[in-house]
Each structure stands twice: as C-alpha cells, then as structure tokens.
Amino acid sequence: MAAETFVDTNVLVYSGIVPPPTGLKRKLTPSGSMGDSLTVKRLAAAVAVSLVLAGALAPAAAQGRYLRLDGWVQWIASDRMQLILDSGQSVAIELTQVPQAQYRALAQRDRVSVIGVPSPDNRRLIGTSVTRVDIWGSQAP
C-alpha cells in the first residue's frame, strides 16, 4: 500500500511524481492564497464600482435606441396617437416630446413617419418627431 506518501506541508504527493520543489513548501492560508488583504479589498472595491457604473449606464444605453415607424394614423387625441403599421400592427405613440406644430393638423388615415424611443415598459413609443408623408412618397410640411 505504498500508493501515497504524505509530506510535512499537508500536500498529497502521489507515487511516481516528483515531489514539489523546496521553495513551494508553504502552507496555503486565506491571505496567502489570494495575496494580502489589501489586494482583496481593492479587488472588491473595483468590482463594486464596476457594478454601480454598469447599473447607472444601463438605462442611458436603453434610451438611445431610436426607432422609425411608418404607418397610418388610426386616431389622435391630445398627446396620444395610435399608429397602424404597414404590417397591420397597432402601436401607441406618446406625443409629449414632439412639438405640437408637427402633429396639430394630423387626422385619421394620414400617412406619417414617427421617430422615437421605446418607453421603459416597451408598451408604447415615446415620439420625438412626427412627419406627414404624402402617399406618393414626398414629405409634406
């Protein structure tokens, strides 16, 4: 039963393998395995700062997704509009960020192009620009 031998450093050395060099005969301790406690604290602080920055920048990155939707006005009232896309889907548009002059004269069945960003709950588009488009492709004022 000489398959295993024990060394004074509590390291199991299997027979047939060269024992570790003498410079590695040190016990592993919690501070010795990861470095000193100052390094561990610095690493933890860097991870915490990275998580805070990632959380702070995530909403800003999500708000930068501008979309352009083309379709027909189903209805418009106050600062809301319902748009029917060419695919037949209906999308709610919030007009609070759009200058009123851009949508004041819109009516049902007007062909429009809306640019905006999705709302945080992805249930509507927060419009930033509304442009009436002529049926023949030219933009109307």
Protein backbone atom coordinates (compact mmCIF):
# COMPACT_ATOMS: atom_id res chain seq x y z
CA MET A 1 0.00 0.00 0.00
CA ALA A 2 2.71 2.43 -0.92
CA ALA A 3 0.49 4.30 -3.35
CA GLU A 4 0.53 7.55 -1.39
CA THR A 5 3.06 9.38 0.70
CA PHE A 6 2.47 12.42 2.90
CA VAL A 7 4.70 15.46 3.10
CA ASP A 8 5.02 17.78 6.09
CA THR A 9 3.21 20.58 4.15
CA ASN A 10 -0.05 18.56 4.05
CA VAL A 11 0.29 18.19 0.29
CA LEU A 12 -0.55 14.77 -1.04
CA VAL A 13 2.09 13.56 -3.44
CA TYR A 14 1.25 10.50 -5.50
CA SER A 15 3.93 7.94 -6.06
CA GLY A 16 5.74 8.21 -9.34
CA ILE A 17 5.52 12.05 -9.39
CA VAL A 18 8.43 14.22 -8.45
CA PRO A 19 7.81 15.92 -5.10
CA PRO A 20 7.30 19.70 -5.18
CA PRO A 21 10.39 21.92 -5.14
CA THR A 22 11.54 23.09 -1.74
CA GLY A 23 10.54 26.70 -2.46
CA LEU A 24 6.85 25.69 -2.62
CA LYS A 25 6.73 24.07 0.83
CA ARG A 26 4.47 26.72 2.32
CA LYS A 27 1.03 26.26 3.78
CA LEU A 28 -1.79 27.90 1.93
CA THR A 29 -3.63 30.36 4.13
CA PRO A 30 -6.58 32.59 3.31
CA SER A 31 -4.29 35.59 2.95
CA GLY A 32 -1.59 33.61 1.18
CA SER A 33 -3.85 32.12 -1.49
CA MET A 34 -5.26 35.41 -2.80
CA GLY A 35 -2.50 37.76 -1.72
CA ASP A 36 -2.62 40.16 1.14
CA SER A 37 -5.88 41.56 2.47
CA LEU A 38 -5.25 44.95 0.86
CA THR A 39 -5.33 43.35 -2.60
CA VAL A 40 -8.59 41.58 -1.77
CA LYS A 41 -10.12 44.86 -0.57
CA ARG A 42 -9.01 46.65 -3.72
CA LEU A 43 -10.46 43.88 -5.89
CA ALA A 44 -13.79 44.02 -4.01
CA ALA A 45 -13.89 47.81 -4.36
CA ALA A 46 -13.19 47.59 -8.10
CA VAL A 47 -15.97 45.03 -8.57
CA ALA A 48 -18.41 47.19 -6.57
CA VAL A 49 -17.56 50.31 -8.60
CA SER A 50 -17.95 48.37 -11.86
CA LEU A 51 -21.39 47.12 -10.84
CA VAL A 52 -22.53 50.60 -9.84
CA LEU A 53 -21.33 52.10 -13.13
CA ALA A 54 -22.93 49.32 -15.17
CA GLY A 55 -26.24 49.86 -13.38
CA ALA A 56 -26.09 53.61 -13.88
CA LEU A 57 -25.26 53.42 -17.57
CA ALA A 58 -27.77 50.70 -18.49
CA PRO A 59 -30.85 53.00 -18.68
CA ALA A 60 -28.91 55.52 -20.76
CA ALA A 61 -27.94 52.82 -23.23
CA ALA A 62 -31.51 51.57 -23.48
CA GLN A 63 -32.83 55.06 -24.17
CA GLY A 64 -30.57 55.50 -27.18
CA ARG A 65 -32.49 53.03 -29.38
CA TYR A 66 -34.26 55.35 -31.79
CA LEU A 67 -36.85 53.70 -34.00
CA ARG A 68 -38.63 54.90 -37.11
CA LEU A 69 -42.16 53.64 -37.70
CA ASP A 70 -44.15 54.31 -40.86
CA GLY A 71 -47.89 53.88 -40.95
CA TRP A 72 -51.37 55.40 -40.86
CA VAL A 73 -52.97 57.44 -38.08
CA GLN A 74 -55.75 55.37 -36.55
CA TRP A 75 -56.69 58.09 -34.06
CA ILE A 76 -55.09 61.11 -32.42
CA ALA A 77 -56.15 62.91 -29.25
CA SER A 78 -54.27 65.41 -27.08
CA ASP A 79 -50.78 63.92 -26.62
CA ARG A 80 -51.53 60.36 -27.75
CA MET A 81 -51.74 58.76 -31.16
CA GLN A 82 -52.46 55.24 -32.34
CA LEU A 83 -50.48 54.22 -35.44
CA ILE A 84 -51.29 51.31 -37.74
CA LEU A 85 -48.10 49.99 -39.29
CA ASP A 86 -47.86 48.68 -42.83
CA SER A 87 -47.74 45.17 -41.35
CA GLY A 88 -51.15 45.72 -39.72
CA GLN A 89 -49.90 46.01 -36.15
CA SER A 90 -51.13 48.86 -33.99
CA VAL A 91 -48.67 50.90 -31.90
CA ALA A 92 -49.39 53.51 -29.22
CA ILE A 93 -47.41 56.73 -29.65
CA GLU A 94 -46.83 59.25 -26.87
CA LEU A 95 -46.52 62.78 -28.28
CA THR A 96 -45.37 64.67 -25.15
CA GLN A 97 -41.84 65.15 -26.56
CA VAL A 98 -42.98 66.14 -30.06
CA PRO A 99 -43.51 69.83 -30.90
CA GLN A 100 -47.25 70.40 -31.30
CA ALA A 101 -46.74 72.06 -34.69
CA GLN A 102 -45.65 68.66 -36.08
CA TYR A 103 -48.93 66.91 -35.24
CA ARG A 104 -51.51 69.71 -34.87
CA ALA A 105 -53.05 69.20 -38.32
CA LEU A 106 -52.92 65.39 -38.41
CA ALA A 107 -56.16 63.50 -38.90
CA GLN A 108 -57.33 59.92 -39.23
CA ARG A 109 -55.87 58.00 -42.17
CA ASP A 110 -52.94 60.42 -42.63
CA ARG A 111 -49.73 58.66 -43.65
CA VAL A 112 -46.94 59.53 -41.16
CA SER A 113 -43.40 58.64 -40.17
CA VAL A 114 -42.71 58.67 -36.42
CA ILE A 115 -39.25 58.69 -34.83
CA GLY A 116 -38.88 57.95 -31.14
CA VAL A 117 -37.62 55.68 -28.38
CA PRO A 118 -39.43 52.78 -26.72
CA SER A 119 -40.94 53.51 -23.32
CA PRO A 120 -39.30 51.81 -20.32
CA ASP A 121 -42.09 49.19 -20.25
CA ASN A 122 -41.93 48.70 -24.07
CA ARG A 123 -45.68 49.22 -24.40
CA ARG A 124 -45.53 52.41 -26.49
CA LEU A 125 -43.17 54.61 -28.46
CA ILE A 126 -42.22 57.99 -27.00
CA GLY A 127 -42.18 60.10 -30.13
CA THR A 128 -39.58 62.77 -30.80
CA SER A 129 -40.60 63.61 -34.36
CA VAL A 130 -43.74 63.15 -36.48
CA THR A 131 -43.69 63.84 -40.22
CA ARG A 132 -46.67 63.59 -42.55
CA VAL A 133 -45.74 61.65 -45.69
CA ASP A 134 -47.56 62.10 -48.96
CA ILE A 135 -48.96 58.93 -50.49
CA TRP A 136 -46.57 59.36 -53.43
CA GLY A 137 -43.53 59.36 -51.14
CA SER A 138 -42.72 63.05 -50.74
CA GLN A 139 -42.83 64.61 -47.30
CA ALA A 140 -45.50 67.19 -46.59
CA PRO A 141 -44.98 70.06 -44.13
